[in-house]
Every structure is written in structure tokens, then in C-alpha cells.
Amino acid sequence: MSVRIGLFVIAALLLGAHFLRAGNFLLVTLCLATPLLFLYRKRWSLILLQLTAYGATATWLRAAVELVEFRQQAGRPWTAAALILGAVAVFTLVAGLLMNSRCLRERYPL
């Protein structure tokens, strides 16, 4: 279970770094505070964490598309950036999917 929580925390930190680079300190704060929902042992908090991971995945995919479009227009190489952001999106998606595991559902009752 600690691996599942650790993966989610890493995904939240990565998203926080993304928003920090953009200068959006409100979203950085939310990204850093989101893993604190693990301390509240109710099923709704687990569902909210999972939905947050899915939203973060969409954010990474949108950032990848925007970056690829920008680099293509500038005539710069874009494949490495697309692969890196795609990998981060998959990592975040897996972290969200792992929130639906049996051990976490048992620990966070209805």
C-alpha cells in the first residue's frame, strides 16, 4: 500500500513542479496539499484522489500536445519532449488506477 501512496505523491509533486514552472502558486499549493487526503480515511477522499490523478493525466497530455505543436511550428525536435510528457502522463494514470486497489478500498470504508 505504501508503494501506491508513494507513486501518487510523486505524481502530485511532478504536477506541482509543472505549475511552479508556469508560476501558478495556487495550483502548486493544491498539488502539495492533495496527498494529505490520504490521512482522512473515508471513501470519498480516495475517489477524490483518483479523480485528481485522472485530471492530472489530462493536464500532462494537454501540455504534451501544446509543446509538440509549438516545437513543430518552430522547426525544433519534438519527439523526446513528447515521449517524456507521455511517460509522465502514463505514470500519473497508473498512480490513479492503483487508488482503486482492494487494499486501499478496505482501508477507506464507505
C-alpha atoms as a PDB file:
ATOM      1  CA  MET A   1       0.000   0.000   0.000  1.00  0.00           C
ATOM      2  CA  SER A   2       2.828   2.416   0.712  1.00  0.00           C
ATOM      3  CA  VAL A   3       4.070   1.998  -2.866  1.00  0.00           C
ATOM      4  CA  ARG A   4       0.657   3.050  -4.189  1.00  0.00           C
ATOM      5  CA  ILE A   5       0.595   6.103  -1.963  1.00  0.00           C
ATOM      6  CA  GLY A   6       4.217   6.908  -2.814  1.00  0.00           C
ATOM      7  CA  LEU A   7       3.501   6.812  -6.545  1.00  0.00           C
ATOM      8  CA  PHE A   8       0.593   9.193  -6.075  1.00  0.00           C
ATOM      9  CA  VAL A   9       2.727  11.574  -4.007  1.00  0.00           C
ATOM     10  CA  ILE A  10       5.413  11.569  -6.715  1.00  0.00           C
ATOM     11  CA  ALA A  11       2.765  12.275  -9.363  1.00  0.00           C
ATOM     12  CA  ALA A  12       1.428  15.173  -7.267  1.00  0.00           C
ATOM     13  CA  LEU A  13       4.933  16.591  -6.843  1.00  0.00           C
ATOM     14  CA  LEU A  14       5.575  16.372 -10.579  1.00  0.00           C
ATOM     15  CA  LEU A  15       2.355  18.222 -11.308  1.00  0.00           C
ATOM     16  CA  GLY A  16       3.238  20.802  -8.672  1.00  0.00           C
ATOM     17  CA  ALA A  17       6.599  21.351 -10.370  1.00  0.00           C
ATOM     18  CA  HIS A  18       4.788  21.810 -13.687  1.00  0.00           C
ATOM     19  CA  PHE A  19       2.574  24.513 -12.191  1.00  0.00           C
ATOM     20  CA  LEU A  20       5.538  26.091 -10.382  1.00  0.00           C
ATOM     21  CA  ARG A  21       7.305  26.498 -13.719  1.00  0.00           C
ATOM     22  CA  ALA A  22       4.171  28.219 -15.018  1.00  0.00           C
ATOM     23  CA  GLY A  23       4.117  30.491 -11.960  1.00  0.00           C
ATOM     24  CA  ASN A  24       0.714  29.304 -10.723  1.00  0.00           C
ATOM     25  CA  PHE A  25       1.299  29.179  -6.977  1.00  0.00           C
ATOM     26  CA  LEU A  26      -2.315  28.410  -6.095  1.00  0.00           C
ATOM     27  CA  LEU A  27      -2.222  25.169  -8.080  1.00  0.00           C
ATOM     28  CA  VAL A  28       1.225  24.363  -6.655  1.00  0.00           C
ATOM     29  CA  THR A  29      -0.252  24.622  -3.168  1.00  0.00           C
ATOM     30  CA  LEU A  30      -3.188  22.402  -4.127  1.00  0.00           C
ATOM     31  CA  CYS A  31      -0.845  19.797  -5.616  1.00  0.00           C
ATOM     32  CA  LEU A  32       1.221  19.735  -2.443  1.00  0.00           C
ATOM     33  CA  ALA A  33      -1.859  19.545  -0.206  1.00  0.00           C
ATOM     34  CA  THR A  34      -3.731  16.870  -2.166  1.00  0.00           C
ATOM     35  CA  PRO A  35      -1.795  13.883  -0.742  1.00  0.00           C
ATOM     36  CA  LEU A  36      -2.920  14.966   2.725  1.00  0.00           C
ATOM     37  CA  LEU A  37      -6.305  13.470   1.815  1.00  0.00           C
ATOM     38  CA  PHE A  38      -4.736  10.075   2.496  1.00  0.00           C
ATOM     39  CA  LEU A  39      -4.924  10.987   6.179  1.00  0.00           C
ATOM     40  CA  TYR A  40      -8.721  11.232   6.023  1.00  0.00           C
ATOM     41  CA  ARG A  41      -9.935   7.628   5.878  1.00  0.00           C
ATOM     42  CA  LYS A  42     -13.205   7.934   4.024  1.00  0.00           C
ATOM     43  CA  ARG A  43     -14.057   6.505   0.623  1.00  0.00           C
ATOM     44  CA  TRP A  44     -14.871   9.926  -0.849  1.00  0.00           C
ATOM     45  CA  SER A  45     -11.305  11.078  -0.199  1.00  0.00           C
ATOM     46  CA  LEU A  46      -9.958   8.069  -2.083  1.00  0.00           C
ATOM     47  CA  ILE A  47     -12.314   8.783  -5.001  1.00  0.00           C
ATOM     48  CA  LEU A  48     -11.252  12.429  -4.996  1.00  0.00           C
ATOM     49  CA  LEU A  49      -7.591  11.391  -5.101  1.00  0.00           C
ATOM     50  CA  GLN A  50      -8.299   9.101  -8.039  1.00  0.00           C
ATOM     51  CA  LEU A  51     -10.190  11.812  -9.930  1.00  0.00           C
ATOM     52  CA  THR A  52      -7.339  14.214  -9.239  1.00  0.00           C
ATOM     53  CA  ALA A  53      -4.882  11.772 -10.805  1.00  0.00           C
ATOM     54  CA  TYR A  54      -7.076  11.460 -13.898  1.00  0.00           C
ATOM     55  CA  GLY A  55      -7.303  15.244 -14.175  1.00  0.00           C
ATOM     56  CA  ALA A  56      -3.532  15.463 -13.833  1.00  0.00           C
ATOM     57  CA  THR A  57      -3.166  12.921 -16.637  1.00  0.00           C
ATOM     58  CA  ALA A  58      -5.309  15.126 -18.870  1.00  0.00           C
ATOM     59  CA  THR A  59      -3.172  18.124 -17.911  1.00  0.00           C
ATOM     60  CA  TRP A  60       0.016  16.282 -18.910  1.00  0.00           C
ATOM     61  CA  LEU A  61      -1.497  15.204 -22.231  1.00  0.00           C
ATOM     62  CA  ARG A  62      -2.644  18.747 -22.984  1.00  0.00           C
ATOM     63  CA  ALA A  63       0.826  20.074 -22.130  1.00  0.00           C
ATOM     64  CA  ALA A  64       2.380  17.460 -24.427  1.00  0.00           C
ATOM     65  CA  VAL A  65       0.143  18.435 -27.344  1.00  0.00           C
ATOM     66  CA  GLU A  66       0.847  22.140 -26.836  1.00  0.00           C
ATOM     67  CA  LEU A  67       4.595  21.559 -26.592  1.00  0.00           C
ATOM     68  CA  VAL A  68       4.673  19.377 -29.695  1.00  0.00           C
ATOM     69  CA  GLU A  69       2.689  21.946 -31.675  1.00  0.00           C
ATOM     70  CA  PHE A  70       4.997  24.742 -30.526  1.00  0.00           C
ATOM     71  CA  ARG A  71       8.151  22.835 -31.380  1.00  0.00           C
ATOM     72  CA  GLN A  72       6.827  21.749 -34.757  1.00  0.00           C
ATOM     73  CA  GLN A  73       5.992  25.346 -35.642  1.00  0.00           C
ATOM     74  CA  ALA A  74       9.452  26.451 -34.541  1.00  0.00           C
ATOM     75  CA  GLY A  75      11.082  23.666 -36.553  1.00  0.00           C
ATOM     76  CA  ARG A  76      12.657  22.158 -33.457  1.00  0.00           C
ATOM     77  CA  PRO A  77      12.833  18.472 -32.491  1.00  0.00           C
ATOM     78  CA  TRP A  78       9.786  17.384 -30.527  1.00  0.00           C
ATOM     79  CA  THR A  79       9.875  13.597 -30.144  1.00  0.00           C
ATOM     80  CA  ALA A  80      11.890  13.481 -26.909  1.00  0.00           C
ATOM     81  CA  ALA A  81       9.606  16.034 -25.248  1.00  0.00           C
ATOM     82  CA  ALA A  82       6.528  14.101 -26.382  1.00  0.00           C
ATOM     83  CA  LEU A  83       7.934  10.845 -25.041  1.00  0.00           C
ATOM     84  CA  ILE A  84       8.854  12.363 -21.686  1.00  0.00           C
ATOM     85  CA  LEU A  85       5.492  14.050 -21.152  1.00  0.00           C
ATOM     86  CA  GLY A  86       3.702  10.940 -22.395  1.00  0.00           C
ATOM     87  CA  ALA A  87       5.611   8.828 -19.876  1.00  0.00           C
ATOM     88  CA  VAL A  88       4.706  11.233 -17.071  1.00  0.00           C
ATOM     89  CA  ALA A  89       1.051  11.068 -18.160  1.00  0.00           C
ATOM     90  CA  VAL A  90       1.115   7.262 -18.103  1.00  0.00           C
ATOM     91  CA  PHE A  91       2.829   7.290 -14.690  1.00  0.00           C
ATOM     92  CA  THR A  92       0.119   9.601 -13.329  1.00  0.00           C
ATOM     93  CA  LEU A  93      -2.625   7.459 -14.848  1.00  0.00           C
ATOM     94  CA  VAL A  94      -1.175   4.321 -13.250  1.00  0.00           C
ATOM     95  CA  ALA A  95      -0.975   6.120  -9.902  1.00  0.00           C
ATOM     96  CA  GLY A  96      -4.678   6.933 -10.230  1.00  0.00           C
ATOM     97  CA  LEU A  97      -5.626   3.417 -11.253  1.00  0.00           C
ATOM     98  CA  LEU A  98      -3.772   1.993  -8.258  1.00  0.00           C
ATOM     99  CA  MET A  99      -6.036   4.035  -5.975  1.00  0.00           C
ATOM    100  CA  ASN A 100      -8.765   1.518  -6.864  1.00  0.00           C
ATOM    101  CA  SER A 101      -6.896  -1.450  -5.391  1.00  0.00           C
ATOM    102  CA  ARG A 102      -8.526  -3.769  -2.872  1.00  0.00           C
ATOM    103  CA  CYS A 103      -6.132  -2.912  -0.029  1.00  0.00           C
ATOM    104  CA  LEU A 104      -6.883   0.802  -0.317  1.00  0.00           C
ATOM    105  CA  ARG A 105     -10.634   0.244  -0.635  1.00  0.00           C
ATOM    106  CA  GLU A 106     -10.542  -1.821   2.564  1.00  0.00           C
ATOM    107  CA  ARG A 107      -8.616   0.881   4.401  1.00  0.00           C
ATOM    108  CA  TYR A 108     -11.002   3.626   3.234  1.00  0.00           C
ATOM    109  CA  PRO A 109     -14.511   2.383   4.079  1.00  0.00           C
ATOM    110  CA  LEU A 110     -17.771   3.808   2.793  1.00  0.00           C
END
